[in-house]
PDB file of all heavy atoms in Angstrom:
ATOM      1  N   GLN A   1       0.021   6.225  -7.577  1.00  0.00           N
ATOM      2  CA  GLN A   1       1.447   6.182  -7.393  1.00  0.00           C
ATOM      3  C   GLN A   1       2.004   7.525  -6.887  1.00  0.00           C
ATOM      4  O   GLN A   1       1.525   8.611  -7.219  1.00  0.00           O
ATOM      5  CB  GLN A   1       2.113   5.854  -8.737  1.00  0.00           C
ATOM      6  CG  GLN A   1       1.694   4.544  -9.312  1.00  0.00           C
ATOM      7  CD  GLN A   1       2.182   3.366  -8.469  1.00  0.00           C
ATOM      8  OE1 GLN A   1       3.342   3.277  -8.121  1.00  0.00           O
ATOM      9  NE2 GLN A   1       1.261   2.493  -8.122  1.00  0.00           N
ATOM     10  N   ILE A   2       3.031   7.415  -6.048  1.00  0.00           N
ATOM     11  CA  ILE A   2       3.701   8.586  -5.519  1.00  0.00           C
ATOM     12  C   ILE A   2       4.584   9.196  -6.573  1.00  0.00           C
ATOM     13  O   ILE A   2       5.436   8.503  -7.172  1.00  0.00           O
ATOM     14  CB  ILE A   2       4.525   8.245  -4.302  1.00  0.00           C
ATOM     15  CG1 ILE A   2       3.768   7.538  -3.227  1.00  0.00           C
ATOM     16  CG2 ILE A   2       5.255   9.473  -3.745  1.00  0.00           C
ATOM     17  CD1 ILE A   2       4.675   6.926  -2.178  1.00  0.00           C
ATOM     18  N   PRO A   3       4.439  10.472  -6.841  1.00  0.00           N
ATOM     19  CA  PRO A   3       5.402  11.141  -7.822  1.00  0.00           C
ATOM     20  C   PRO A   3       6.795  11.021  -7.283  1.00  0.00           C
ATOM     21  O   PRO A   3       7.062  11.248  -6.104  1.00  0.00           O
ATOM     22  CB  PRO A   3       4.901  12.573  -7.848  1.00  0.00           C
ATOM     23  CG  PRO A   3       3.492  12.538  -7.477  1.00  0.00           C
ATOM     24  CD  PRO A   3       3.420  11.443  -6.441  1.00  0.00           C
ATOM     25  N   LEU A   4       7.753  10.689  -8.151  1.00  0.00           N
ATOM     26  CA  LEU A   4       9.148  10.608  -7.777  1.00  0.00           C
ATOM     27  C   LEU A   4       9.855  11.895  -7.782  1.00  0.00           C
ATOM     28  O   LEU A   4      10.805  12.139  -7.063  1.00  0.00           O
ATOM     29  CB  LEU A   4       9.876   9.597  -8.674  1.00  0.00           C
ATOM     30  CG  LEU A   4       9.362   8.167  -8.689  1.00  0.00           C
ATOM     31  CD1 LEU A   4      10.143   7.327  -9.696  1.00  0.00           C
ATOM     32  CD2 LEU A   4       9.419   7.572  -7.302  1.00  0.00           C
ATOM     33  N   GLY A   5       9.360  12.804  -8.627  1.00  0.00           N
ATOM     34  CA  GLY A   5       9.925  14.149  -8.678  1.00  0.00           C
ATOM     35  C   GLY A   5       8.893  15.224  -8.254  1.00  0.00           C
ATOM     36  O   GLY A   5       7.778  14.906  -7.903  1.00  0.00           O
ATOM     37  N   PRO A   6       9.334  16.456  -8.236  1.00  0.00           N
ATOM     38  CA  PRO A   6       8.408  17.517  -7.855  1.00  0.00           C
ATOM     39  C   PRO A   6       7.359  17.724  -8.903  1.00  0.00           C
ATOM     40  O   PRO A   6       7.564  17.612 -10.087  1.00  0.00           O
ATOM     41  CB  PRO A   6       9.298  18.752  -7.771  1.00  0.00           C
ATOM     42  CG  PRO A   6      10.470  18.440  -8.624  1.00  0.00           C
ATOM     43  CD  PRO A   6      10.664  16.936  -8.589  1.00  0.00           C
ATOM     44  N   VAL A   7       6.097  17.900  -8.403  1.00  0.00           N
ATOM     45  CA  VAL A   7       4.967  18.169  -9.272  1.00  0.00           C
ATOM     46  C   VAL A   7       4.216  19.377  -8.741  1.00  0.00           C
ATOM     47  O   VAL A   7       4.193  19.624  -7.555  1.00  0.00           O
ATOM     48  CB  VAL A   7       4.029  16.974  -9.377  1.00  0.00           C
ATOM     49  CG1 VAL A   7       4.702  15.792 -10.037  1.00  0.00           C
ATOM     50  CG2 VAL A   7       3.464  16.523  -8.022  1.00  0.00           C
ATOM     51  N   SER A   8       3.582  20.126  -9.691  1.00  0.00           N
ATOM     52  CA  SER A   8       2.915  21.330  -9.254  1.00  0.00           C
ATOM     53  C   SER A   8       1.392  21.051  -9.157  1.00  0.00           C
ATOM     54  O   SER A   8       0.666  21.913  -8.586  1.00  0.00           O
ATOM     55  CB  SER A   8       3.161  22.460 -10.228  1.00  0.00           C
ATOM     56  OG  SER A   8       2.748  22.076 -11.584  1.00  0.00           O
ATOM     57  N   GLY A   9       0.915  19.974  -9.690  1.00  0.00           N
ATOM     58  CA  GLY A   9      -0.524  19.684  -9.667  1.00  0.00           C
ATOM     59  C   GLY A   9      -0.989  19.140  -8.355  1.00  0.00           C
ATOM     60  O   GLY A   9      -0.174  18.745  -7.514  1.00  0.00           O
ATOM     61  N   PRO A  10      -2.314  19.096  -8.169  1.00  0.00           N
ATOM     62  CA  PRO A  10      -2.863  18.608  -6.917  1.00  0.00           C
ATOM     63  C   PRO A  10      -2.722  17.108  -6.817  1.00  0.00           C
ATOM     64  O   PRO A  10      -2.776  16.378  -7.791  1.00  0.00           O
ATOM     65  CB  PRO A  10      -4.326  19.012  -7.030  1.00  0.00           C
ATOM     66  CG  PRO A  10      -4.581  19.042  -8.498  1.00  0.00           C
ATOM     67  CD  PRO A  10      -3.301  19.527  -9.135  1.00  0.00           C
ATOM     68  N   LEU A  11      -2.517  16.639  -5.586  1.00  0.00           N
ATOM     69  CA  LEU A  11      -2.448  15.222  -5.265  1.00  0.00           C
ATOM     70  C   LEU A  11      -3.649  14.835  -4.343  1.00  0.00           C
ATOM     71  O   LEU A  11      -3.985  15.651  -3.472  1.00  0.00           O
ATOM     72  CB  LEU A  11      -1.160  14.838  -4.632  1.00  0.00           C
ATOM     73  CG  LEU A  11       0.129  15.109  -5.424  1.00  0.00           C
ATOM     74  CD1 LEU A  11       1.374  14.805  -4.622  1.00  0.00           C
ATOM     75  CD2 LEU A  11       0.151  14.296  -6.739  1.00  0.00           C
ATOM     76  N   SER A  12      -4.195  13.658  -4.516  1.00  0.00           N
ATOM     77  CA  SER A  12      -5.256  13.246  -3.648  1.00  0.00           C
ATOM     78  C   SER A  12      -4.767  13.126  -2.212  1.00  0.00           C
ATOM     79  O   SER A  12      -3.554  12.971  -1.976  1.00  0.00           O
ATOM     80  CB  SER A  12      -5.835  11.882  -4.114  1.00  0.00           C
ATOM     81  OG  SER A  12      -4.862  10.872  -3.893  1.00  0.00           O
ATOM     82  N   VAL A  13      -5.662  13.094  -1.283  1.00  0.00           N
ATOM     83  CA  VAL A  13      -5.303  12.869   0.109  1.00  0.00           C
ATOM     84  C   VAL A  13      -4.566  11.599   0.293  1.00  0.00           C
ATOM     85  O   VAL A  13      -3.569  11.513   1.062  1.00  0.00           O
ATOM     86  CB  VAL A  13      -6.587  12.938   1.033  1.00  0.00           C
ATOM     87  CG1 VAL A  13      -6.261  12.558   2.454  1.00  0.00           C
ATOM     88  CG2 VAL A  13      -7.217  14.311   0.930  1.00  0.00           C
ATOM     89  N   GLU A  14      -4.967  10.520  -0.383  1.00  0.00           N
ATOM     90  CA  GLU A  14      -4.311   9.243  -0.311  1.00  0.00           C
ATOM     91  C   GLU A  14      -2.882   9.294  -0.768  1.00  0.00           C
ATOM     92  O   GLU A  14      -2.005   8.773  -0.120  1.00  0.00           O
ATOM     93  CB  GLU A  14      -5.097   8.171  -1.105  1.00  0.00           C
ATOM     94  CG  GLU A  14      -6.477   7.976  -0.632  1.00  0.00           C
ATOM     95  CD  GLU A  14      -7.397   7.398  -1.678  1.00  0.00           C
ATOM     96  OE1 GLU A  14      -7.248   7.826  -2.833  1.00  0.00           O
ATOM     97  OE2 GLU A  14      -8.260   6.593  -1.317  1.00  0.00           O
ATOM     98  N   VAL A  15      -2.623   9.983  -1.892  1.00  0.00           N
ATOM     99  CA  VAL A  15      -1.282  10.069  -2.396  1.00  0.00           C
ATOM    100  C   VAL A  15      -0.439  10.950  -1.501  1.00  0.00           C
ATOM    101  O   VAL A  15       0.753  10.715  -1.250  1.00  0.00           O
ATOM    102  CB  VAL A  15      -1.275  10.575  -3.860  1.00  0.00           C
ATOM    103  CG1 VAL A  15       0.163  10.838  -4.350  1.00  0.00           C
ATOM    104  CG2 VAL A  15      -1.969   9.530  -4.815  1.00  0.00           C
ATOM    105  N   GLN A  16      -1.050  12.000  -0.968  1.00  0.00           N
ATOM    106  CA  GLN A  16      -0.313  12.886  -0.053  1.00  0.00           C
ATOM    107  C   GLN A  16       0.121  12.100   1.204  1.00  0.00           C
ATOM    108  O   GLN A  16       1.286  12.253   1.665  1.00  0.00           O
ATOM    109  CB  GLN A  16      -1.201  14.060   0.403  1.00  0.00           C
ATOM    110  CG  GLN A  16      -1.406  15.085  -0.744  1.00  0.00           C
ATOM    111  CD  GLN A  16      -2.359  16.208  -0.295  1.00  0.00           C
ATOM    112  OE1 GLN A  16      -2.591  16.411   0.851  1.00  0.00           O
ATOM    113  NE2 GLN A  16      -2.906  16.888  -1.276  1.00  0.00           N
ATOM    114  N   GLN A  17      -0.746  11.224   1.689  1.00  0.00           N
ATOM    115  CA  GLN A  17      -0.367  10.412   2.870  1.00  0.00           C
ATOM    116  C   GLN A  17       0.744   9.463   2.514  1.00  0.00           C
ATOM    117  O   GLN A  17       1.748   9.367   3.291  1.00  0.00           O
ATOM    118  CB  GLN A  17      -1.569   9.555   3.371  1.00  0.00           C
ATOM    119  CG  GLN A  17      -1.192   8.721   4.600  1.00  0.00           C
ATOM    120  CD  GLN A  17      -2.370   7.846   5.037  1.00  0.00           C
ATOM    121  OE1 GLN A  17      -3.079   7.314   4.272  1.00  0.00           O
ATOM    122  NE2 GLN A  17      -2.477   7.714   6.368  1.00  0.00           N
ATOM    123  N   LEU A  18       0.714   8.817   1.345  1.00  0.00           N
ATOM    124  CA  LEU A  18       1.848   7.960   0.922  1.00  0.00           C
ATOM    125  C   LEU A  18       3.079   8.781   0.758  1.00  0.00           C
ATOM    126  O   LEU A  18       4.155   8.291   1.169  1.00  0.00           O
ATOM    127  CB  LEU A  18       1.452   7.269  -0.447  1.00  0.00           C
ATOM    128  CG  LEU A  18       0.331   6.254  -0.363  1.00  0.00           C
ATOM    129  CD1 LEU A  18       0.011   5.789  -1.833  1.00  0.00           C
ATOM    130  CD2 LEU A  18       0.664   5.090   0.539  1.00  0.00           C
ATOM    131  N   ALA A  19       2.994   9.945   0.216  1.00  0.00           N
ATOM    132  CA  ALA A  19       4.191  10.797   0.007  1.00  0.00           C
ATOM    133  C   ALA A  19       4.758  11.176   1.367  1.00  0.00           C
ATOM    134  O   ALA A  19       5.985  11.245   1.548  1.00  0.00           O
ATOM    135  CB  ALA A  19       3.809  12.005  -0.815  1.00  0.00           C
ATOM    136  N   ASP A  20       3.942  11.455   2.346  1.00  0.00           N
ATOM    137  CA  ASP A  20       4.425  11.809   3.691  1.00  0.00           C
ATOM    138  C   ASP A  20       5.196  10.612   4.272  1.00  0.00           C
ATOM    139  O   ASP A  20       6.264  10.744   4.823  1.00  0.00           O
ATOM    140  CB  ASP A  20       3.275  12.129   4.625  1.00  0.00           C
ATOM    141  CG  ASP A  20       2.676  13.506   4.323  1.00  0.00           C
ATOM    142  OD1 ASP A  20       3.302  14.298   3.562  1.00  0.00           O
ATOM    143  OD2 ASP A  20       1.541  13.771   4.817  1.00  0.00           O
ATOM    144  N   TRP A  21       4.630   9.409   4.124  1.00  0.00           N
ATOM    145  CA  TRP A  21       5.316   8.211   4.625  1.00  0.00           C
ATOM    146  C   TRP A  21       6.618   8.022   3.905  1.00  0.00           C
ATOM    147  O   TRP A  21       7.644   7.661   4.452  1.00  0.00           O
ATOM    148  CB  TRP A  21       4.434   7.002   4.458  1.00  0.00           C
ATOM    149  CG  TRP A  21       3.331   6.856   5.439  1.00  0.00           C
ATOM    150  CD1 TRP A  21       3.249   7.489   6.646  1.00  0.00           C
ATOM    151  CD2 TRP A  21       2.132   6.116   5.299  1.00  0.00           C
ATOM    152  NE1 TRP A  21       2.046   7.148   7.269  1.00  0.00           N
ATOM    153  CE2 TRP A  21       1.342   6.304   6.454  1.00  0.00           C
ATOM    154  CE3 TRP A  21       1.650   5.296   4.283  1.00  0.00           C
ATOM    155  CZ2 TRP A  21       0.135   5.675   6.644  1.00  0.00           C
ATOM    156  CZ3 TRP A  21       0.449   4.690   4.469  1.00  0.00           C
ATOM    157  CH2 TRP A  21      -0.322   4.865   5.638  1.00  0.00           C
ATOM    158  N   ALA A  22       6.610   8.267   2.558  1.00  0.00           N
ATOM    159  CA  ALA A  22       7.836   8.080   1.738  1.00  0.00           C
ATOM    160  C   ALA A  22       8.968   9.042   2.154  1.00  0.00           C
ATOM    161  O   ALA A  22      10.103   8.740   2.029  1.00  0.00           O
ATOM    162  CB  ALA A  22       7.489   8.221   0.271  1.00  0.00           C
ATOM    163  N   ARG A  23       8.565  10.257   2.596  1.00  0.00           N
ATOM    164  CA  ARG A  23       9.570  11.205   3.021  1.00  0.00           C
ATOM    165  C   ARG A  23      10.305  10.750   4.272  1.00  0.00           C
ATOM    166  O   ARG A  23      11.428  11.185   4.575  1.00  0.00           O
ATOM    167  CB  ARG A  23       8.984  12.574   3.261  1.00  0.00           C
ATOM    168  CG  ARG A  23       8.799  13.379   1.999  1.00  0.00           C
ATOM    169  CD  ARG A  23       8.424  14.846   2.335  1.00  0.00           C
ATOM    170  NE  ARG A  23       6.998  14.980   2.638  1.00  0.00           N
ATOM    171  CZ  ARG A  23       6.002  14.962   1.773  1.00  0.00           C
ATOM    172  NH1 ARG A  23       6.278  14.805   0.481  1.00  0.00           N
ATOM    173  NH2 ARG A  23       4.764  15.119   2.148  1.00  0.00           N
ATOM    174  N   GLU A  24       9.732   9.770   4.968  1.00  0.00           N
ATOM    175  CA  GLU A  24      10.372   9.222   6.141  1.00  0.00           C
ATOM    176  C   GLU A  24      11.008   7.834   5.823  1.00  0.00           C
ATOM    177  O   GLU A  24      11.027   6.952   6.667  1.00  0.00           O
ATOM    178  CB  GLU A  24       9.290   9.014   7.280  1.00  0.00           C
ATOM    179  CG  GLU A  24       8.598  10.291   7.637  1.00  0.00           C
ATOM    180  CD  GLU A  24       7.340  10.013   8.507  1.00  0.00           C
ATOM    181  OE1 GLU A  24       6.840   8.893   8.544  1.00  0.00           O
ATOM    182  OE2 GLU A  24       6.906  10.964   9.172  1.00  0.00           O
ATOM    183  N   THR A  25      11.513   7.686   4.673  1.00  0.00           N
ATOM    184  CA  THR A  25      12.054   6.426   4.194  1.00  0.00           C
ATOM    185  C   THR A  25      13.259   5.953   4.955  1.00  0.00           C
ATOM    186  O   THR A  25      14.172   6.706   5.201  1.00  0.00           O
ATOM    187  CB  THR A  25      12.350   6.512   2.667  1.00  0.00           C
ATOM    188  OG1 THR A  25      11.194   6.848   1.949  1.00  0.00           O
ATOM    189  CG2 THR A  25      12.918   5.224   2.128  1.00  0.00           C
ATOM    190  N   ALA A  26      13.213   4.661   5.297  1.00  0.00           N
ATOM    191  CA  ALA A  26      14.364   4.011   5.924  1.00  0.00           C
ATOM    192  C   ALA A  26      15.444   3.774   4.916  1.00  0.00           C
ATOM    193  O   ALA A  26      15.162   3.482   3.733  1.00  0.00           O
ATOM    194  CB  ALA A  26      13.915   2.684   6.529  1.00  0.00           C
ATOM    195  N   ASP A  27      16.686   3.877   5.337  1.00  0.00           N
ATOM    196  CA  ASP A  27      17.836   3.621   4.447  1.00  0.00           C
ATOM    197  C   ASP A  27      17.972   2.103   4.365  1.00  0.00           C
ATOM    198  O   ASP A  27      18.266   1.446   5.365  1.00  0.00           O
ATOM    199  CB  ASP A  27      19.077   4.254   4.988  1.00  0.00           C
ATOM    200  CG  ASP A  27      20.299   3.999   4.088  1.00  0.00           C
ATOM    201  OD1 ASP A  27      20.154   3.391   3.011  1.00  0.00           O
ATOM    202  OD2 ASP A  27      21.381   4.437   4.485  1.00  0.00           O
ATOM    203  N   MET A  28      17.749   1.562   3.183  1.00  0.00           N
ATOM    204  CA  MET A  28      17.774   0.099   3.048  1.00  0.00           C
ATOM    205  C   MET A  28      18.956  -0.387   2.180  1.00  0.00           C
ATOM    206  O   MET A  28      19.015  -1.535   1.765  1.00  0.00           O
ATOM    207  CB  MET A  28      16.480  -0.386   2.413  1.00  0.00           C
ATOM    208  CG  MET A  28      15.257  -0.052   3.277  1.00  0.00           C
ATOM    209  SD  MET A  28      13.685  -0.775   2.769  1.00  0.00           S
ATOM    210  CE  MET A  28      13.696  -0.701   1.040  1.00  0.00           C
TER     211      MET A  28
END
């Protein structure tokens, strides 16, 4: 799952990719 808030711990490459996509979220 993508963290909803800021986190200081490491994220897997998969979660980082999802988080990158999430930062480009469409306004729905």
